Amino acid sequence: SNTIALLATSASAFAPAASQAPRVALQASSVDVPEVDATGNNIAVKNLLTDIEASGLLSQVAQAGLLSKAQASGISLTKLEPLLALAAGNKDVMILVESAGPELLPILPTVVEIAPGALPLLGAAIQLSPAALQVAGLASLAAAAGAVYLIPDDTVVEVATQTLAVGALGAAAGASFVGSAVLGKLTA
């Protein structure tokens, strides 16, 4: 009888205890719902478009002659259509665009503010050949390697300087190579 009681006691030690998990009510305020106006327009997008109109960004693009420079370089809107169709047909690209949308929306007003100052740079960059961009990419990679070789790594500040230089020059190299590929496809 003691043996049966001992076995029953040890067997119940492995059984889960009957406890109730606390119930948590979901609140509607924890769900992110885009703010829309009475017509159903996203207010953030509407404000962004209003800011673009108020800043005269499209007029500044026209005054900078960006479209004329693009056309002189062999880039036209008809050449952009295959790239847009390729992006639209690629499910992964569309998923990235849709998932990044809410996070990118707050950044776009800053891009609109910076854009007028970047127009001359963009106008100059669009006139470069894809080969020149590839050379710039290679030069950036060489400069990054040079920074690692030439900057000593004896202190934390020097290591941080190396890291910053390699990060910036590596990003410039990547942008140059991507820009070269895109510009090559657009001007071909």
C-alpha atoms as a PDB file:
ATOM      1  CA  SER A   1       0.000   0.000   0.000  1.00  0.00           C
ATOM      2  CA  ASN A   2       2.926   2.328   0.780  1.00  0.00           C
ATOM      3  CA  THR A   3       4.516   1.368  -2.536  1.00  0.00           C
ATOM      4  CA  ILE A   4       1.357   2.302  -4.460  1.00  0.00           C
ATOM      5  CA  ALA A   5       1.165   5.624  -2.643  1.00  0.00           C
ATOM      6  CA  LEU A   6       4.850   6.294  -3.386  1.00  0.00           C
ATOM      7  CA  LEU A   7       4.396   5.511  -7.108  1.00  0.00           C
ATOM      8  CA  ALA A   8       1.252   7.654  -7.340  1.00  0.00           C
ATOM      9  CA  THR A   9       3.008  10.559  -5.621  1.00  0.00           C
ATOM     10  CA  SER A  10       6.071  10.388  -7.872  1.00  0.00           C
ATOM     11  CA  ALA A  11       3.914  10.078 -11.008  1.00  0.00           C
ATOM     12  CA  SER A  12       1.910  13.168 -10.081  1.00  0.00           C
ATOM     13  CA  ALA A  13       5.152  15.132  -9.782  1.00  0.00           C
ATOM     14  CA  PHE A  14       5.521  14.997 -13.580  1.00  0.00           C
ATOM     15  CA  ALA A  15       1.960  16.062 -14.342  1.00  0.00           C
ATOM     16  CA  PRO A  16       1.464  19.748 -15.186  1.00  0.00           C
ATOM     17  CA  ALA A  17      -0.076  21.838 -12.483  1.00  0.00           C
ATOM     18  CA  ALA A  18      -3.538  23.115 -13.262  1.00  0.00           C
ATOM     19  CA  SER A  19      -3.080  26.845 -13.443  1.00  0.00           C
ATOM     20  CA  GLN A  20      -4.939  29.422 -15.390  1.00  0.00           C
ATOM     21  CA  ALA A  21      -2.992  31.769 -17.607  1.00  0.00           C
ATOM     22  CA  PRO A  22      -3.979  35.380 -17.104  1.00  0.00           C
ATOM     23  CA  ARG A  23      -6.252  36.628 -19.834  1.00  0.00           C
ATOM     24  CA  VAL A  24      -5.227  39.785 -21.615  1.00  0.00           C
ATOM     25  CA  ALA A  25      -7.743  41.776 -23.579  1.00  0.00           C
ATOM     26  CA  LEU A  26      -6.540  43.229 -26.885  1.00  0.00           C
ATOM     27  CA  GLN A  27      -7.129  46.898 -27.307  1.00  0.00           C
ATOM     28  CA  ALA A  28      -7.911  48.496 -30.625  1.00  0.00           C
ATOM     29  CA  SER A  29      -5.400  51.257 -29.903  1.00  0.00           C
ATOM     30  CA  SER A  30      -2.492  48.785 -30.168  1.00  0.00           C
ATOM     31  CA  VAL A  31      -3.213  48.162 -33.852  1.00  0.00           C
ATOM     32  CA  ASP A  32      -1.553  50.554 -36.299  1.00  0.00           C
ATOM     33  CA  VAL A  33      -4.178  51.809 -38.698  1.00  0.00           C
ATOM     34  CA  PRO A  34      -3.132  54.441 -41.225  1.00  0.00           C
ATOM     35  CA  GLU A  35      -4.875  57.710 -40.676  1.00  0.00           C
ATOM     36  CA  VAL A  36      -7.175  58.524 -43.558  1.00  0.00           C
ATOM     37  CA  ASP A  37      -9.369  61.453 -44.375  1.00  0.00           C
ATOM     38  CA  ALA A  38     -13.102  61.318 -45.102  1.00  0.00           C
ATOM     39  CA  THR A  39     -12.414  60.305 -48.720  1.00  0.00           C
ATOM     40  CA  GLY A  40     -10.110  57.468 -47.703  1.00  0.00           C
ATOM     41  CA  ASN A  41      -6.840  59.156 -48.654  1.00  0.00           C
ATOM     42  CA  ASN A  42      -3.844  58.448 -46.430  1.00  0.00           C
ATOM     43  CA  ILE A  43      -3.243  61.734 -44.612  1.00  0.00           C
ATOM     44  CA  ALA A  44       0.558  61.308 -44.488  1.00  0.00           C
ATOM     45  CA  VAL A  45       0.729  60.772 -48.259  1.00  0.00           C
ATOM     46  CA  LYS A  46      -1.654  63.671 -48.850  1.00  0.00           C
ATOM     47  CA  ASN A  47       0.523  65.952 -46.673  1.00  0.00           C
ATOM     48  CA  LEU A  48       3.658  64.789 -48.507  1.00  0.00           C
ATOM     49  CA  LEU A  49       2.143  65.593 -51.901  1.00  0.00           C
ATOM     50  CA  THR A  50       1.002  68.979 -50.593  1.00  0.00           C
ATOM     51  CA  ASP A  51       4.555  69.685 -49.378  1.00  0.00           C
ATOM     52  CA  ILE A  52       5.981  68.687 -52.776  1.00  0.00           C
ATOM     53  CA  GLU A  53       3.561  71.038 -54.488  1.00  0.00           C
ATOM     54  CA  ALA A  54       4.255  73.885 -52.044  1.00  0.00           C
ATOM     55  CA  SER A  55       8.034  73.526 -52.377  1.00  0.00           C
ATOM     56  CA  GLY A  56       7.839  73.695 -56.176  1.00  0.00           C
ATOM     57  CA  LEU A  57      10.033  70.606 -56.452  1.00  0.00           C
ATOM     58  CA  LEU A  58       8.788  69.681 -59.917  1.00  0.00           C
ATOM     59  CA  SER A  59       9.415  73.226 -61.146  1.00  0.00           C
ATOM     60  CA  GLN A  60      12.944  73.014 -59.734  1.00  0.00           C
ATOM     61  CA  VAL A  61      13.466  69.714 -61.570  1.00  0.00           C
ATOM     62  CA  ALA A  62      12.373  71.451 -64.775  1.00  0.00           C
ATOM     63  CA  GLN A  63      14.601  74.493 -64.111  1.00  0.00           C
ATOM     64  CA  ALA A  64      17.606  72.247 -63.429  1.00  0.00           C
ATOM     65  CA  GLY A  65      17.039  70.674 -66.849  1.00  0.00           C
ATOM     66  CA  LEU A  66      17.216  67.230 -65.291  1.00  0.00           C
ATOM     67  CA  LEU A  67      14.856  65.608 -67.785  1.00  0.00           C
ATOM     68  CA  SER A  68      16.660  67.227 -70.740  1.00  0.00           C
ATOM     69  CA  LYS A  69      20.021  66.031 -69.390  1.00  0.00           C
ATOM     70  CA  ALA A  70      18.598  62.541 -68.916  1.00  0.00           C
ATOM     71  CA  GLN A  71      17.261  62.521 -72.455  1.00  0.00           C
ATOM     72  CA  ALA A  72      20.610  63.796 -73.811  1.00  0.00           C
ATOM     73  CA  SER A  73      22.288  60.906 -71.970  1.00  0.00           C
ATOM     74  CA  GLY A  74      19.951  58.448 -73.657  1.00  0.00           C
ATOM     75  CA  ILE A  75      17.561  57.959 -70.749  1.00  0.00           C
ATOM     76  CA  SER A  76      13.877  58.275 -71.509  1.00  0.00           C
ATOM     77  CA  LEU A  77      10.665  57.334 -69.774  1.00  0.00           C
ATOM     78  CA  THR A  78      10.075  54.602 -72.350  1.00  0.00           C
ATOM     79  CA  LYS A  79      13.354  52.992 -71.253  1.00  0.00           C
ATOM     80  CA  LEU A  80      12.163  53.082 -67.639  1.00  0.00           C
ATOM     81  CA  GLU A  81       9.029  51.085 -68.465  1.00  0.00           C
ATOM     82  CA  PRO A  82      10.793  47.694 -68.733  1.00  0.00           C
ATOM     83  CA  LEU A  83      12.462  48.263 -65.356  1.00  0.00           C
ATOM     84  CA  LEU A  84       9.136  49.171 -63.768  1.00  0.00           C
ATOM     85  CA  ALA A  85       7.479  46.138 -65.392  1.00  0.00           C
ATOM     86  CA  LEU A  86      10.300  43.929 -64.132  1.00  0.00           C
ATOM     87  CA  ALA A  87       9.890  45.314 -60.602  1.00  0.00           C
ATOM     88  CA  ALA A  88       6.100  44.938 -60.768  1.00  0.00           C
ATOM     89  CA  GLY A  89       6.408  41.350 -61.982  1.00  0.00           C
ATOM     90  CA  ASN A  90       8.889  40.377 -59.288  1.00  0.00           C
ATOM     91  CA  LYS A  91       6.918  39.279 -56.239  1.00  0.00           C
ATOM     92  CA  ASP A  92       9.877  39.796 -53.878  1.00  0.00           C
ATOM     93  CA  VAL A  93      10.333  43.418 -54.958  1.00  0.00           C
ATOM     94  CA  MET A  94       6.640  44.143 -54.455  1.00  0.00           C
ATOM     95  CA  ILE A  95       6.708  42.550 -50.989  1.00  0.00           C
ATOM     96  CA  LEU A  96       9.726  44.706 -50.056  1.00  0.00           C
ATOM     97  CA  VAL A  97       8.043  47.862 -51.324  1.00  0.00           C
ATOM     98  CA  GLU A  98       4.791  47.109 -49.491  1.00  0.00           C
ATOM     99  CA  SER A  99       6.499  46.171 -46.233  1.00  0.00           C
ATOM    100  CA  ALA A 100       8.844  49.168 -46.307  1.00  0.00           C
ATOM    101  CA  GLY A 101       6.051  51.628 -47.103  1.00  0.00           C
ATOM    102  CA  PRO A 102       4.965  52.496 -43.557  1.00  0.00           C
ATOM    103  CA  GLU A 103       8.562  52.858 -42.350  1.00  0.00           C
ATOM    104  CA  LEU A 104       9.623  54.967 -45.343  1.00  0.00           C
ATOM    105  CA  LEU A 105       6.663  57.340 -45.210  1.00  0.00           C
ATOM    106  CA  PRO A 106       8.037  59.425 -42.300  1.00  0.00           C
ATOM    107  CA  ILE A 107      11.405  59.775 -44.110  1.00  0.00           C
ATOM    108  CA  LEU A 108       9.944  61.091 -47.377  1.00  0.00           C
ATOM    109  CA  PRO A 109       9.355  64.696 -46.169  1.00  0.00           C
ATOM    110  CA  THR A 110      13.070  64.909 -45.350  1.00  0.00           C
ATOM    111  CA  VAL A 111      13.897  63.599 -48.814  1.00  0.00           C
ATOM    112  CA  VAL A 112      11.651  66.293 -50.306  1.00  0.00           C
ATOM    113  CA  GLU A 113      13.508  68.945 -48.271  1.00  0.00           C
ATOM    114  CA  ILE A 114      16.920  67.676 -49.394  1.00  0.00           C
ATOM    115  CA  ALA A 115      15.953  67.108 -53.043  1.00  0.00           C
ATOM    116  CA  PRO A 116      16.319  70.709 -54.331  1.00  0.00           C
ATOM    117  CA  GLY A 117      19.927  70.858 -53.156  1.00  0.00           C
ATOM    118  CA  ALA A 118      20.684  67.461 -54.667  1.00  0.00           C
ATOM    119  CA  LEU A 119      19.299  68.320 -58.121  1.00  0.00           C
ATOM    120  CA  PRO A 120      22.571  69.806 -59.481  1.00  0.00           C
ATOM    121  CA  LEU A 121      24.487  66.759 -58.236  1.00  0.00           C
ATOM    122  CA  LEU A 122      21.939  64.432 -59.805  1.00  0.00           C
ATOM    123  CA  GLY A 123      22.089  66.434 -63.038  1.00  0.00           C
ATOM    124  CA  ALA A 124      25.874  65.998 -63.126  1.00  0.00           C
ATOM    125  CA  ALA A 125      25.707  62.315 -62.188  1.00  0.00           C
ATOM    126  CA  ILE A 126      23.195  61.494 -64.893  1.00  0.00           C
ATOM    127  CA  GLN A 127      25.637  62.741 -67.533  1.00  0.00           C
ATOM    128  CA  LEU A 128      28.377  60.340 -66.396  1.00  0.00           C
ATOM    129  CA  SER A 129      28.966  57.196 -68.378  1.00  0.00           C
ATOM    130  CA  PRO A 130      28.494  53.788 -66.766  1.00  0.00           C
ATOM    131  CA  ALA A 131      32.243  53.184 -67.201  1.00  0.00           C
ATOM    132  CA  ALA A 132      33.049  56.350 -65.238  1.00  0.00           C
ATOM    133  CA  LEU A 133      30.797  55.153 -62.408  1.00  0.00           C
ATOM    134  CA  GLN A 134      32.559  51.776 -62.414  1.00  0.00           C
ATOM    135  CA  VAL A 135      35.936  53.516 -62.181  1.00  0.00           C
ATOM    136  CA  ALA A 136      34.588  55.605 -59.286  1.00  0.00           C
ATOM    137  CA  GLY A 137      33.437  52.403 -57.577  1.00  0.00           C
ATOM    138  CA  LEU A 138      36.852  50.810 -57.975  1.00  0.00           C
ATOM    139  CA  ALA A 139      38.523  54.000 -56.705  1.00  0.00           C
ATOM    140  CA  SER A 140      36.234  53.943 -53.648  1.00  0.00           C
ATOM    141  CA  LEU A 141      37.172  50.333 -52.923  1.00  0.00           C
ATOM    142  CA  ALA A 142      40.868  51.167 -53.302  1.00  0.00           C
ATOM    143  CA  ALA A 143      40.470  54.169 -50.996  1.00  0.00           C
ATOM    144  CA  ALA A 144      38.727  51.959 -48.403  1.00  0.00           C
ATOM    145  CA  ALA A 145      41.610  49.472 -48.552  1.00  0.00           C
ATOM    146  CA  GLY A 146      44.049  52.368 -48.299  1.00  0.00           C
ATOM    147  CA  ALA A 147      42.272  53.698 -45.225  1.00  0.00           C
ATOM    148  CA  VAL A 148      42.602  50.320 -43.513  1.00  0.00           C
ATOM    149  CA  TYR A 149      46.284  50.111 -44.449  1.00  0.00           C
ATOM    150  CA  LEU A 150      47.301  53.709 -43.747  1.00  0.00           C
ATOM    151  CA  ILE A 151      45.270  54.559 -40.633  1.00  0.00           C
ATOM    152  CA  PRO A 152      46.866  52.859 -37.619  1.00  0.00           C
ATOM    153  CA  ASP A 153      44.611  50.876 -35.333  1.00  0.00           C
ATOM    154  CA  ASP A 154      46.301  51.640 -32.032  1.00  0.00           C
ATOM    155  CA  THR A 155      43.436  53.524 -30.362  1.00  0.00           C
ATOM    156  CA  VAL A 156      39.679  53.333 -30.307  1.00  0.00           C
ATOM    157  CA  VAL A 157      39.437  56.636 -32.197  1.00  0.00           C
ATOM    158  CA  GLU A 158      41.662  55.315 -35.003  1.00  0.00           C
ATOM    159  CA  VAL A 159      39.645  52.107 -35.269  1.00  0.00           C
ATOM    160  CA  ALA A 160      36.452  54.186 -35.375  1.00  0.00           C
ATOM    161  CA  THR A 161      37.992  56.343 -38.120  1.00  0.00           C
ATOM    162  CA  GLN A 162      38.900  53.221 -40.099  1.00  0.00           C
ATOM    163  CA  THR A 163      35.392  51.867 -39.666  1.00  0.00           C
ATOM    164  CA  LEU A 164      33.783  55.139 -40.729  1.00  0.00           C
ATOM    165  CA  ALA A 165      36.043  55.458 -43.768  1.00  0.00           C
ATOM    166  CA  VAL A 166      35.466  51.866 -44.885  1.00  0.00           C
ATOM    167  CA  GLY A 167      31.710  52.192 -44.331  1.00  0.00           C
ATOM    168  CA  ALA A 168      31.392  55.446 -46.266  1.00  0.00           C
ATOM    169  CA  LEU A 169      33.734  54.416 -49.088  1.00  0.00           C
ATOM    170  CA  GLY A 170      32.182  50.953 -49.281  1.00  0.00           C
ATOM    171  CA  ALA A 171      28.714  52.485 -49.567  1.00  0.00           C
ATOM    172  CA  ALA A 172      29.993  54.866 -52.260  1.00  0.00           C
ATOM    173  CA  ALA A 173      31.465  51.924 -54.155  1.00  0.00           C
ATOM    174  CA  GLY A 174      28.225  49.975 -53.916  1.00  0.00           C
ATOM    175  CA  ALA A 175      26.185  52.967 -55.057  1.00  0.00           C
ATOM    176  CA  SER A 176      28.588  53.512 -57.966  1.00  0.00           C
ATOM    177  CA  PHE A 177      28.336  49.905 -59.122  1.00  0.00           C
ATOM    178  CA  VAL A 178      24.542  49.834 -58.804  1.00  0.00           C
ATOM    179  CA  GLY A 179      24.278  53.228 -60.517  1.00  0.00           C
ATOM    180  CA  SER A 180      26.535  51.999 -63.297  1.00  0.00           C
ATOM    181  CA  ALA A 181      24.396  48.904 -63.847  1.00  0.00           C
ATOM    182  CA  VAL A 182      21.140  50.868 -63.849  1.00  0.00           C
ATOM    183  CA  LEU A 183      22.531  53.634 -66.054  1.00  0.00           C
ATOM    184  CA  GLY A 184      23.954  51.003 -68.405  1.00  0.00           C
ATOM    185  CA  LYS A 185      20.524  49.386 -68.778  1.00  0.00           C
ATOM    186  CA  LEU A 186      18.802  52.741 -69.271  1.00  0.00           C
ATOM    187  CA  THR A 187      21.226  54.054 -71.873  1.00  0.00           C
ATOM    188  CA  ALA A 188      21.643  50.797 -73.800  1.00  0.00           C
END
